Amino acid sequence: MPELAVNGQVVKTANAMKLGEELPFMTALSFAGRGQVYAPRTYNVIAGSYLAVNAYAGSVSPTQLQATKTRLEQTKTVLESTDQAQIGALSREALLGDLFHAGA
């Protein structure tokens, strides 16, 4: 089932889809007081994939970067532990989201 999450909280869901089916995802960038800056763009997201959308309007705070680093280190520790219960409890956000955020 498609989900849209903001800061880890699911804000929108849609009906279940078949793996490989395409779902249009539209973005439009605007800044407060300046109106829309870039024309909307639509991307097809493939059902079963994970898409991270990052918007940075300047620099990222060192506190936020440290928090992401800490979460990545915790995830690495769990994966290296070979504890199947802990590994099974990892979320998609822990496995993919933090890596995508760090890469952006």
PDB file of N, CA and C in Angstrom:
ATOM      1  N   MET A   1       0.839  -1.163   0.000  1.00  0.00           N
ATOM      2  CA  MET A   1       0.000   0.000   0.000  1.00  0.00           C
ATOM      3  C   MET A   1       0.898   1.244   0.000  1.00  0.00           C
ATOM      4  N   PRO A   2       0.706   2.171  -0.907  1.00  0.00           N
ATOM      5  CA  PRO A   2       1.533   3.381  -0.951  1.00  0.00           C
ATOM      6  C   PRO A   2       1.320   4.232   0.300  1.00  0.00           C
ATOM      7  N   GLU A   3       2.426   4.782   0.798  1.00  0.00           N
ATOM      8  CA  GLU A   3       2.382   5.672   1.952  1.00  0.00           C
ATOM      9  C   GLU A   3       3.227   6.900   1.662  1.00  0.00           C
ATOM     10  N   LEU A   4       2.770   8.038   2.164  1.00  0.00           N
ATOM     11  CA  LEU A   4       3.561   9.262   2.146  1.00  0.00           C
ATOM     12  C   LEU A   4       3.798   9.626   3.599  1.00  0.00           C
ATOM     13  N   ALA A   5       5.057   9.690   3.982  1.00  0.00           N
ATOM     14  CA  ALA A   5       5.410  10.008   5.361  1.00  0.00           C
ATOM     15  C   ALA A   5       6.250  11.278   5.379  1.00  0.00           C
ATOM     16  N   VAL A   6       6.023  12.098   6.387  1.00  0.00           N
ATOM     17  CA  VAL A   6       6.799  13.309   6.604  1.00  0.00           C
ATOM     18  C   VAL A   6       7.422  13.193   7.986  1.00  0.00           C
ATOM     19  N   ASN A   7       8.751  13.236   8.017  1.00  0.00           N
ATOM     20  CA  ASN A   7       9.479  13.073   9.281  1.00  0.00           C
ATOM     21  C   ASN A   7       9.057  11.809  10.019  1.00  0.00           C
ATOM     22  N   GLY A   8       8.873  10.726   9.277  1.00  0.00           N
ATOM     23  CA  GLY A   8       8.551   9.434   9.875  1.00  0.00           C
ATOM     24  C   GLY A   8       7.091   9.208  10.191  1.00  0.00           C
ATOM     25  N   GLN A   9       6.248  10.207  10.020  1.00  0.00           N
ATOM     26  CA  GLN A   9       4.825  10.074  10.303  1.00  0.00           C
ATOM     27  C   GLN A   9       4.048   9.943   8.997  1.00  0.00           C
ATOM     28  N   VAL A  10       3.271   8.873   8.867  1.00  0.00           N
ATOM     29  CA  VAL A  10       2.471   8.661   7.658  1.00  0.00           C
ATOM     30  C   VAL A  10       1.361   9.704   7.617  1.00  0.00           C
ATOM     31  N   VAL A  11       1.316  10.474   6.519  1.00  0.00           N
ATOM     32  CA  VAL A  11       0.308  11.522   6.370  1.00  0.00           C
ATOM     33  C   VAL A  11      -0.717  11.206   5.283  1.00  0.00           C
ATOM     34  N   LYS A  12      -0.424  10.207   4.442  1.00  0.00           N
ATOM     35  CA  LYS A  12      -1.337   9.859   3.356  1.00  0.00           C
ATOM     36  C   LYS A  12      -1.092   8.415   2.942  1.00  0.00           C
ATOM     37  N   THR A  13      -2.163   7.692   2.666  1.00  0.00           N
ATOM     38  CA  THR A  13      -2.062   6.338   2.125  1.00  0.00           C
ATOM     39  C   THR A  13      -2.995   6.226   0.932  1.00  0.00           C
ATOM     40  N   ALA A  14      -2.787   5.199   0.142  1.00  0.00           N
ATOM     41  CA  ALA A  14      -3.645   4.944  -1.019  1.00  0.00           C
ATOM     42  C   ALA A  14      -3.974   3.458  -1.062  1.00  0.00           C
ATOM     43  N   ASN A  15      -4.807   3.088  -2.009  1.00  0.00           N
ATOM     44  CA  ASN A  15      -5.196   1.684  -2.155  1.00  0.00           C
ATOM     45  C   ASN A  15      -3.998   0.828  -2.543  1.00  0.00           C
ATOM     46  N   ALA A  16      -4.072  -0.456  -2.182  1.00  0.00           N
ATOM     47  CA  ALA A  16      -3.009  -1.404  -2.507  1.00  0.00           C
ATOM     48  C   ALA A  16      -2.800  -1.455  -4.016  1.00  0.00           C
ATOM     49  N   MET A  17      -1.562  -1.714  -4.408  1.00  0.00           N
ATOM     50  CA  MET A  17      -1.192  -1.785  -5.820  1.00  0.00           C
ATOM     51  C   MET A  17      -0.448  -3.081  -6.081  1.00  0.00           C
ATOM     52  N   LYS A  18      -0.347  -3.451  -7.343  1.00  0.00           N
ATOM     53  CA  LYS A  18       0.456  -4.601  -7.744  1.00  0.00           C
ATOM     54  C   LYS A  18       1.915  -4.167  -7.830  1.00  0.00           C
ATOM     55  N   LEU A  19       2.835  -5.066  -7.450  1.00  0.00           N
ATOM     56  CA  LEU A  19       4.254  -4.752  -7.586  1.00  0.00           C
ATOM     57  C   LEU A  19       4.568  -4.385  -9.026  1.00  0.00           C
ATOM     58  N   GLY A  20       5.343  -3.349  -9.195  1.00  0.00           N
ATOM     59  CA  GLY A  20       5.728  -2.902 -10.527  1.00  0.00           C
ATOM     60  C   GLY A  20       4.780  -1.894 -11.147  1.00  0.00           C
ATOM     61  N   GLU A  21       3.589  -1.748 -10.583  1.00  0.00           N
ATOM     62  CA  GLU A  21       2.630  -0.763 -11.089  1.00  0.00           C
ATOM     63  C   GLU A  21       3.184   0.639 -10.825  1.00  0.00           C
ATOM     64  N   GLU A  22       2.825   1.594 -11.684  1.00  0.00           N
ATOM     65  CA  GLU A  22       3.336   2.954 -11.536  1.00  0.00           C
ATOM     66  C   GLU A  22       2.319   3.848 -10.845  1.00  0.00           C
ATOM     67  N   LEU A  23       2.830   4.706  -9.965  1.00  0.00           N
ATOM     68  CA  LEU A  23       2.007   5.676  -9.252  1.00  0.00           C
ATOM     69  C   LEU A  23       2.602   7.052  -9.514  1.00  0.00           C
ATOM     70  N   PRO A  24       1.827   7.991 -10.082  1.00  0.00           N
ATOM     71  CA  PRO A  24       2.378   9.321 -10.325  1.00  0.00           C
ATOM     72  C   PRO A  24       2.598  10.081  -9.008  1.00  0.00           C
ATOM     73  N   PHE A  25       3.741  10.731  -8.912  1.00  0.00           N
ATOM     74  CA  PHE A  25       4.091  11.539  -7.745  1.00  0.00           C
ATOM     75  C   PHE A  25       4.496  12.911  -8.254  1.00  0.00           C
ATOM     76  N   MET A  26       3.753  13.945  -7.848  1.00  0.00           N
ATOM     77  CA  MET A  26       4.011  15.293  -8.349  1.00  0.00           C
ATOM     78  C   MET A  26       4.672  16.137  -7.264  1.00  0.00           C
ATOM     79  N   THR A  27       5.676  16.900  -7.660  1.00  0.00           N
ATOM     80  CA  THR A  27       6.318  17.841  -6.756  1.00  0.00           C
ATOM     81  C   THR A  27       6.236  19.239  -7.346  1.00  0.00           C
ATOM     82  N   ALA A  28       6.139  20.212  -6.478  1.00  0.00           N
ATOM     83  CA  ALA A  28       6.174  21.619  -6.884  1.00  0.00           C
ATOM     84  C   ALA A  28       6.889  22.370  -5.766  1.00  0.00           C
ATOM     85  N   LEU A  29       7.896  23.131  -6.109  1.00  0.00           N
ATOM     86  CA  LEU A  29       8.696  23.833  -5.127  1.00  0.00           C
ATOM     87  C   LEU A  29       8.279  25.288  -5.063  1.00  0.00           C
ATOM     88  N   SER A  30       8.040  25.768  -3.855  1.00  0.00           N
ATOM     89  CA  SER A  30       7.738  27.183  -3.671  1.00  0.00           C
ATOM     90  C   SER A  30       8.360  27.654  -2.367  1.00  0.00           C
ATOM     91  N   PHE A  31       8.577  28.949  -2.270  1.00  0.00           N
ATOM     92  CA  PHE A  31       9.158  29.551  -1.083  1.00  0.00           C
ATOM     93  C   PHE A  31       8.177  30.579  -0.532  1.00  0.00           C
ATOM     94  N   ALA A  32       8.077  30.654   0.773  1.00  0.00           N
ATOM     95  CA  ALA A  32       7.170  31.602   1.410  1.00  0.00           C
ATOM     96  C   ALA A  32       7.493  33.021   0.949  1.00  0.00           C
ATOM     97  N   GLY A  33       6.479  33.744   0.539  1.00  0.00           N
ATOM     98  CA  GLY A  33       6.650  35.121   0.117  1.00  0.00           C
ATOM     99  C   GLY A  33       7.156  35.304  -1.300  1.00  0.00           C
ATOM    100  N   ARG A  34       7.570  34.221  -1.970  1.00  0.00           N
ATOM    101  CA  ARG A  34       8.102  34.341  -3.327  1.00  0.00           C
ATOM    102  C   ARG A  34       7.253  33.602  -4.342  1.00  0.00           C
ATOM    103  N   GLY A  35       6.244  32.859  -3.880  1.00  0.00           N
ATOM    104  CA  GLY A  35       5.403  32.120  -4.809  1.00  0.00           C
ATOM    105  C   GLY A  35       6.121  30.910  -5.368  1.00  0.00           C
ATOM    106  N   GLN A  36       5.512  30.303  -6.350  1.00  0.00           N
ATOM    107  CA  GLN A  36       6.081  29.099  -6.937  1.00  0.00           C
ATOM    108  C   GLN A  36       7.316  29.450  -7.748  1.00  0.00           C
ATOM    109  N   VAL A  37       8.388  28.732  -7.513  1.00  0.00           N
ATOM    110  CA  VAL A  37       9.656  29.003  -8.179  1.00  0.00           C
ATOM    111  C   VAL A  37       9.869  28.063  -9.350  1.00  0.00           C
ATOM    112  N   TYR A  38       9.568  26.786  -9.167  1.00  0.00           N
ATOM    113  CA  TYR A  38       9.784  25.798 -10.212  1.00  0.00           C
ATOM    114  C   TYR A  38       8.450  25.196 -10.626  1.00  0.00           C
ATOM    115  N   ALA A  39       8.320  24.903 -11.902  1.00  0.00           N
ATOM    116  CA  ALA A  39       7.098  24.284 -12.409  1.00  0.00           C
ATOM    117  C   ALA A  39       6.939  22.892 -11.801  1.00  0.00           C
ATOM    118  N   PRO A  40       5.704  22.461 -11.592  1.00  0.00           N
ATOM    119  CA  PRO A  40       5.481  21.116 -11.050  1.00  0.00           C
ATOM    120  C   PRO A  40       6.092  20.051 -11.964  1.00  0.00           C
ATOM    121  N   ARG A  41       6.579  18.992 -11.351  1.00  0.00           N
ATOM    122  CA  ARG A  41       7.123  17.849 -12.086  1.00  0.00           C
ATOM    123  C   ARG A  41       6.439  16.598 -11.578  1.00  0.00           C
ATOM    124  N   THR A  42       6.169  15.682 -12.483  1.00  0.00           N
ATOM    125  CA  THR A  42       5.555  14.414 -12.107  1.00  0.00           C
ATOM    126  C   THR A  42       6.530  13.291 -12.388  1.00  0.00           C
ATOM    127  N   TYR A  43       6.696  12.429 -11.402  1.00  0.00           N
ATOM    128  CA  TYR A  43       7.566  11.271 -11.508  1.00  0.00           C
ATOM    129  C   TYR A  43       6.714  10.028 -11.302  1.00  0.00           C
ATOM    130  N   ASN A  44       7.011   8.969 -12.015  1.00  0.00           N
ATOM    131  CA  ASN A  44       6.329   7.703 -11.792  1.00  0.00           C
ATOM    132  C   ASN A  44       7.134   6.882 -10.795  1.00  0.00           C
ATOM    133  N   VAL A  45       6.508   6.565  -9.681  1.00  0.00           N
ATOM    134  CA  VAL A  45       7.132   5.754  -8.648  1.00  0.00           C
ATOM    135  C   VAL A  45       6.621   4.332  -8.827  1.00  0.00           C
ATOM    136  N   ILE A  46       7.510   3.383  -8.831  1.00  0.00           N
ATOM    137  CA  ILE A  46       7.159   1.981  -9.047  1.00  0.00           C
ATOM    138  C   ILE A  46       6.725   1.357  -7.717  1.00  0.00           C
ATOM    139  N   ALA A  47       5.558   0.718  -7.727  1.00  0.00           N
ATOM    140  CA  ALA A  47       5.061   0.056  -6.518  1.00  0.00           C
ATOM    141  C   ALA A  47       6.081  -0.963  -6.029  1.00  0.00           C
ATOM    142  N   GLY A  48       6.367  -0.911  -4.738  1.00  0.00           N
ATOM    143  CA  GLY A  48       7.368  -1.787  -4.139  1.00  0.00           C
ATOM    144  C   GLY A  48       8.698  -1.087  -3.921  1.00  0.00           C
ATOM    145  N   SER A  49       8.846   0.113  -4.481  1.00  0.00           N
ATOM    146  CA  SER A  49      10.097   0.844  -4.304  1.00  0.00           C
ATOM    147  C   SER A  49       9.987   1.802  -3.122  1.00  0.00           C
ATOM    148  N   TYR A  50      11.107   2.379  -2.758  1.00  0.00           N
ATOM    149  CA  TYR A  50      11.188   3.346  -1.662  1.00  0.00           C
ATOM    150  C   TYR A  50      11.738   4.621  -2.254  1.00  0.00           C
ATOM    151  N   LEU A  51      11.038   5.715  -2.074  1.00  0.00           N
ATOM    152  CA  LEU A  51      11.461   7.000  -2.617  1.00  0.00           C
ATOM    153  C   LEU A  51      11.646   7.967  -1.466  1.00  0.00           C
ATOM    154  N   ALA A  52      12.792   8.603  -1.408  1.00  0.00           N
ATOM    155  CA  ALA A  52      13.038   9.635  -0.399  1.00  0.00           C
ATOM    156  C   ALA A  52      13.071  10.982  -1.105  1.00  0.00           C
ATOM    157  N   VAL A  53      12.365  11.940  -0.556  1.00  0.00           N
ATOM    158  CA  VAL A  53      12.333  13.289  -1.111  1.00  0.00           C
ATOM    159  C   VAL A  53      12.927  14.215  -0.059  1.00  0.00           C
ATOM    160  N   ASN A  54      13.985  14.887  -0.424  1.00  0.00           N
ATOM    161  CA  ASN A  54      14.649  15.814   0.490  1.00  0.00           C
ATOM    162  C   ASN A  54      14.570  17.215  -0.080  1.00  0.00           C
ATOM    163  N   ALA A  55      14.247  18.175   0.756  1.00  0.00           N
ATOM    164  CA  ALA A  55      14.238  19.575   0.344  1.00  0.00           C
ATOM    165  C   ALA A  55      15.101  20.353   1.325  1.00  0.00           C
ATOM    166  N   TYR A  56      16.192  20.887   0.829  1.00  0.00           N
ATOM    167  CA  TYR A  56      17.082  21.677   1.668  1.00  0.00           C
ATOM    168  C   TYR A  56      17.147  23.084   1.096  1.00  0.00           C
ATOM    169  N   ALA A  57      16.773  24.050   1.888  1.00  0.00           N
ATOM    170  CA  ALA A  57      16.818  25.448   1.467  1.00  0.00           C
ATOM    171  C   ALA A  57      17.916  26.140   2.257  1.00  0.00           C
ATOM    172  N   GLY A  58      19.123  25.714   2.058  1.00  0.00           N
ATOM    173  CA  GLY A  58      20.243  26.248   2.807  1.00  0.00           C
ATOM    174  C   GLY A  58      21.049  25.104   3.371  1.00  0.00           C
ATOM    175  N   SER A  59      21.541  25.265   4.573  1.00  0.00           N
ATOM    176  CA  SER A  59      22.357  24.221   5.174  1.00  0.00           C
ATOM    177  C   SER A  59      21.519  23.359   6.115  1.00  0.00           C
ATOM    178  N   VAL A  60      22.029  22.166   6.407  1.00  0.00           N
ATOM    179  CA  VAL A  60      21.386  21.253   7.343  1.00  0.00           C
ATOM    180  C   VAL A  60      22.067  21.452   8.693  1.00  0.00           C
ATOM    181  N   SER A  61      21.276  21.484   9.747  1.00  0.00           N
ATOM    182  CA  SER A  61      21.852  21.746  11.066  1.00  0.00           C
ATOM    183  C   SER A  61      22.775  20.617  11.494  1.00  0.00           C
ATOM    184  N   PRO A  62      23.861  20.953  12.182  1.00  0.00           N
ATOM    185  CA  PRO A  62      24.761  19.924  12.698  1.00  0.00           C
ATOM    186  C   PRO A  62      24.042  18.962  13.645  1.00  0.00           C
ATOM    187  N   THR A  63      23.066  19.452  14.380  1.00  0.00           N
ATOM    188  CA  THR A  63      22.297  18.594  15.297  1.00  0.00           C
ATOM    189  C   THR A  63      21.545  17.528  14.510  1.00  0.00           C
ATOM    190  N   GLN A  64      20.934  17.923  13.386  1.00  0.00           N
ATOM    191  CA  GLN A  64      20.197  16.977  12.546  1.00  0.00           C
ATOM    192  C   GLN A  64      21.149  15.955  11.940  1.00  0.00           C
ATOM    193  N   LEU A  65      22.303  16.389  11.483  1.00  0.00           N
ATOM    194  CA  LEU A  65      23.283  15.467  10.910  1.00  0.00           C
ATOM    195  C   LEU A  65      23.791  14.479  11.963  1.00  0.00           C
ATOM    196  N   GLN A  66      24.024  14.951  13.172  1.00  0.00           N
ATOM    197  CA  GLN A  66      24.478  14.071  14.242  1.00  0.00           C
ATOM    198  C   GLN A  66      23.406  13.047  14.588  1.00  0.00           C
ATOM    199  N   ALA A  67      22.141  13.465  14.609  1.00  0.00           N
ATOM    200  CA  ALA A  67      21.039  12.542  14.911  1.00  0.00           C
ATOM    201  C   ALA A  67      20.952  11.459  13.842  1.00  0.00           C
ATOM    202  N   THR A  68      21.117  11.828  12.577  1.00  0.00           N
ATOM    203  CA  THR A  68      21.094  10.843  11.491  1.00  0.00           C
ATOM    204  C   THR A  68      22.271   9.885  11.630  1.00  0.00           C
ATOM    205  N   LYS A  69      23.453  10.412  11.931  1.00  0.00           N
ATOM    206  CA  LYS A  69      24.637   9.565  12.113  1.00  0.00           C
ATOM    207  C   LYS A  69      24.413   8.568  13.252  1.00  0.00           C
ATOM    208  N   THR A  70      23.837   9.027  14.339  1.00  0.00           N
ATOM    209  CA  THR A  70      23.575   8.153  15.486  1.00  0.00           C
ATOM    210  C   THR A  70      22.613   7.035  15.110  1.00  0.00           C
ATOM    211  N   ARG A  71      21.529   7.375  14.381  1.00  0.00           N
ATOM    212  CA  ARG A  71      20.570   6.354  13.956  1.00  0.00           C
ATOM    213  C   ARG A  71      21.225   5.346  13.016  1.00  0.00           C
ATOM    214  N   LEU A  72      22.071   5.815  12.098  1.00  0.00           N
ATOM    215  CA  LEU A  72      22.758   4.907  11.181  1.00  0.00           C
ATOM    216  C   LEU A  72      23.691   3.966  11.940  1.00  0.00           C
ATOM    217  N   GLU A  73      24.384   4.476  12.933  1.00  0.00           N
ATOM    218  CA  GLU A  73      25.273   3.633  13.730  1.00  0.00           C
ATOM    219  C   GLU A  73      24.474   2.590  14.515  1.00  0.00           C
ATOM    220  N   GLN A  74      23.304   2.976  15.037  1.00  0.00           N
ATOM    221  CA  GLN A  74      22.454   2.031  15.760  1.00  0.00           C
ATOM    222  C   GLN A  74      21.954   0.927  14.822  1.00  0.00           C
ATOM    223  N   THR A  75      21.554   1.312  13.621  1.00  0.00           N
ATOM    224  CA  THR A  75      21.087   0.335  12.639  1.00  0.00           C
ATOM    225  C   THR A  75      22.217  -0.620  12.267  1.00  0.00           C
ATOM    226  N   LYS A  76      23.412  -0.082  12.057  1.00  0.00           N
ATOM    227  CA  LYS A  76      24.574  -0.920  11.731  1.00  0.00           C
ATOM    228  C   LYS A  76      24.838  -1.927  12.843  1.00  0.00           C
ATOM    229  N   THR A  77      24.759  -1.486  14.081  1.00  0.00           N
ATOM    230  CA  THR A  77      24.978  -2.375  15.229  1.00  0.00           C
ATOM    231  C   THR A  77      23.957  -3.505  15.239  1.00  0.00           C
ATOM    232  N   VAL A  78      22.697  -3.181  14.975  1.00  0.00           N
ATOM    233  CA  VAL A  78      21.647  -4.202  14.939  1.00  0.00           C
ATOM    234  C   VAL A  78      21.922  -5.199  13.821  1.00  0.00           C
ATOM    235  N   LEU A  79      22.250  -4.709  12.624  1.00  0.00           N
ATOM    236  CA  LEU A  79      22.510  -5.600  11.492  1.00  0.00           C
ATOM    237  C   LEU A  79      23.704  -6.510  11.752  1.00  0.00           C
ATOM    238  N   GLU A  80      24.726  -5.996  12.396  1.00  0.00           N
ATOM    239  CA  GLU A  80      25.918  -6.791  12.683  1.00  0.00           C
ATOM    240  C   GLU A  80      25.706  -7.766  13.834  1.00  0.00           C
ATOM    241  N   SER A  81      24.656  -7.567  14.612  1.00  0.00           N
ATOM    242  CA  SER A  81      24.406  -8.428  15.771  1.00  0.00           C
ATOM    243  C   SER A  81      23.930  -9.819  15.379  1.00  0.00           C
ATOM    244  N   THR A  82      23.387  -9.974  14.213  1.00  0.00           N
ATOM    245  CA  THR A  82      22.757 -11.205  13.705  1.00  0.00           C
ATOM    246  C   THR A  82      21.571 -11.645  14.556  1.00  0.00           C
ATOM    247  N   ASP A  83      21.058 -10.776  15.425  1.00  0.00           N
ATOM    248  CA  ASP A  83      19.865 -11.063  16.233  1.00  0.00           C
ATOM    249  C   ASP A  83      18.640 -10.886  15.330  1.00  0.00           C
ATOM    250  N   GLN A  84      18.053 -12.002  14.910  1.00  0.00           N
ATOM    251  CA  GLN A  84      16.955 -11.972  13.946  1.00  0.00           C
ATOM    252  C   GLN A  84      15.748 -11.176  14.446  1.00  0.00           C
ATOM    253  N   ALA A  85      15.499 -11.182  15.748  1.00  0.00           N
ATOM    254  CA  ALA A  85      14.372 -10.423  16.293  1.00  0.00           C
ATOM    255  C   ALA A  85      14.610  -8.926  16.134  1.00  0.00           C
ATOM    256  N   GLN A  86      15.825  -8.477  16.455  1.00  0.00           N
ATOM    257  CA  GLN A  86      16.140  -7.053  16.309  1.00  0.00           C
ATOM    258  C   GLN A  86      16.177  -6.643  14.846  1.00  0.00           C
ATOM    259  N   ILE A  87      16.758  -7.486  14.010  1.00  0.00           N
ATOM    260  CA  ILE A  87      16.836  -7.180  12.582  1.00  0.00           C
ATOM    261  C   ILE A  87      15.434  -7.105  11.989  1.00  0.00           C
ATOM    262  N   GLY A  88      14.569  -8.035  12.365  1.00  0.00           N
ATOM    263  CA  GLY A  88      13.201  -8.041  11.872  1.00  0.00           C
ATOM    264  C   GLY A  88      12.394  -6.841  12.326  1.00  0.00           C
ATOM    265  N   ALA A  89      12.794  -6.226  13.432  1.00  0.00           N
ATOM    266  CA  ALA A  89      12.072  -5.066  13.962  1.00  0.00           C
ATOM    267  C   ALA A  89      12.505  -3.753  13.306  1.00  0.00           C
ATOM    268  N   LEU A  90      13.578  -3.787  12.492  1.00  0.00           N
ATOM    269  CA  LEU A  90      14.020  -2.557  11.826  1.00  0.00           C
ATOM    270  C   LEU A  90      12.976  -2.099  10.811  1.00  0.00           C
ATOM    271  N   SER A  91      12.730  -0.811  10.780  1.00  0.00           N
ATOM    272  CA  SER A  91      11.747  -0.236   9.844  1.00  0.00           C
ATOM    273  C   SER A  91      12.420   0.083   8.508  1.00  0.00           C
ATOM    274  N   ARG A  92      11.592   0.316   7.490  1.00  0.00           N
ATOM    275  CA  ARG A  92      12.125   0.771   6.190  1.00  0.00           C
ATOM    276  C   ARG A  92      12.853   2.089   6.369  1.00  0.00           C
ATOM    277  N   GLU A  93      12.336   2.936   7.248  1.00  0.00           N
ATOM    278  CA  GLU A  93      12.968   4.234   7.499  1.00  0.00           C
ATOM    279  C   GLU A  93      14.380   4.039   8.049  1.00  0.00           C
ATOM    280  N   ALA A  94      14.541   3.095   8.975  1.00  0.00           N
ATOM    281  CA  ALA A  94      15.866   2.832   9.547  1.00  0.00           C
ATOM    282  C   ALA A  94      16.802   2.243   8.499  1.00  0.00           C
ATOM    283  N   LEU A  95      16.289   1.346   7.653  1.00  0.00           N
ATOM    284  CA  LEU A  95      17.126   0.676   6.666  1.00  0.00           C
ATOM    285  C   LEU A  95      17.434   1.542   5.450  1.00  0.00           C
ATOM    286  N   LEU A  96      16.469   2.337   5.004  1.00  0.00           N
ATOM    287  CA  LEU A  96      16.649   3.104   3.770  1.00  0.00           C
ATOM    288  C   LEU A  96      16.614   4.616   3.963  1.00  0.00           C
ATOM    289  N   GLY A  97      15.662   5.091   4.739  1.00  0.00           N
ATOM    290  CA  GLY A  97      15.449   6.529   4.873  1.00  0.00           C
ATOM    291  C   GLY A  97      16.658   7.284   5.377  1.00  0.00           C
ATOM    292  N   ASP A  98      17.287   6.774   6.427  1.00  0.00           N
ATOM    293  CA  ASP A  98      18.444   7.460   6.974  1.00  0.00           C
ATOM    294  C   ASP A  98      19.623   7.455   5.996  1.00  0.00           C
ATOM    295  N   LEU A  99      19.790   6.364   5.250  1.00  0.00           N
ATOM    296  CA  LEU A  99      20.851   6.315   4.241  1.00  0.00           C
ATOM    297  C   LEU A  99      20.596   7.339   3.137  1.00  0.00           C
ATOM    298  N   PHE A 100      19.350   7.416   2.684  1.00  0.00           N
ATOM    299  CA  PHE A 100      19.004   8.390   1.638  1.00  0.00           C
ATOM    300  C   PHE A 100      19.201   9.815   2.153  1.00  0.00           C
ATOM    301  N   HIS A 101      18.798  10.067   3.399  1.00  0.00           N
ATOM    302  CA  HIS A 101      18.940  11.400   3.986  1.00  0.00           C
ATOM    303  C   HIS A 101      20.416  11.771   4.087  1.00  0.00           C
ATOM    304  N   ALA A 102      21.236  10.840   4.565  1.00  0.00           N
ATOM    305  CA  ALA A 102      22.669  11.108   4.700  1.00  0.00           C
ATOM    306  C   ALA A 102      23.301  11.369   3.333  1.00  0.00           C
ATOM    307  N   GLY A 103      22.856  10.635   2.324  1.00  0.00           N
ATOM    308  CA  GLY A 103      23.401  10.810   0.980  1.00  0.00           C
ATOM    309  C   GLY A 103      23.013  12.131   0.346  1.00  0.00           C
ATOM    310  N   ALA A 104      21.852  12.620   0.701  1.00  0.00           N
ATOM    311  CA  ALA A 104      21.389  13.894   0.122  1.00  0.00           C
ATOM    312  C   ALA A 104      22.119  15.041   0.757  1.00  0.00           C
TER     313      ALA A 104
END
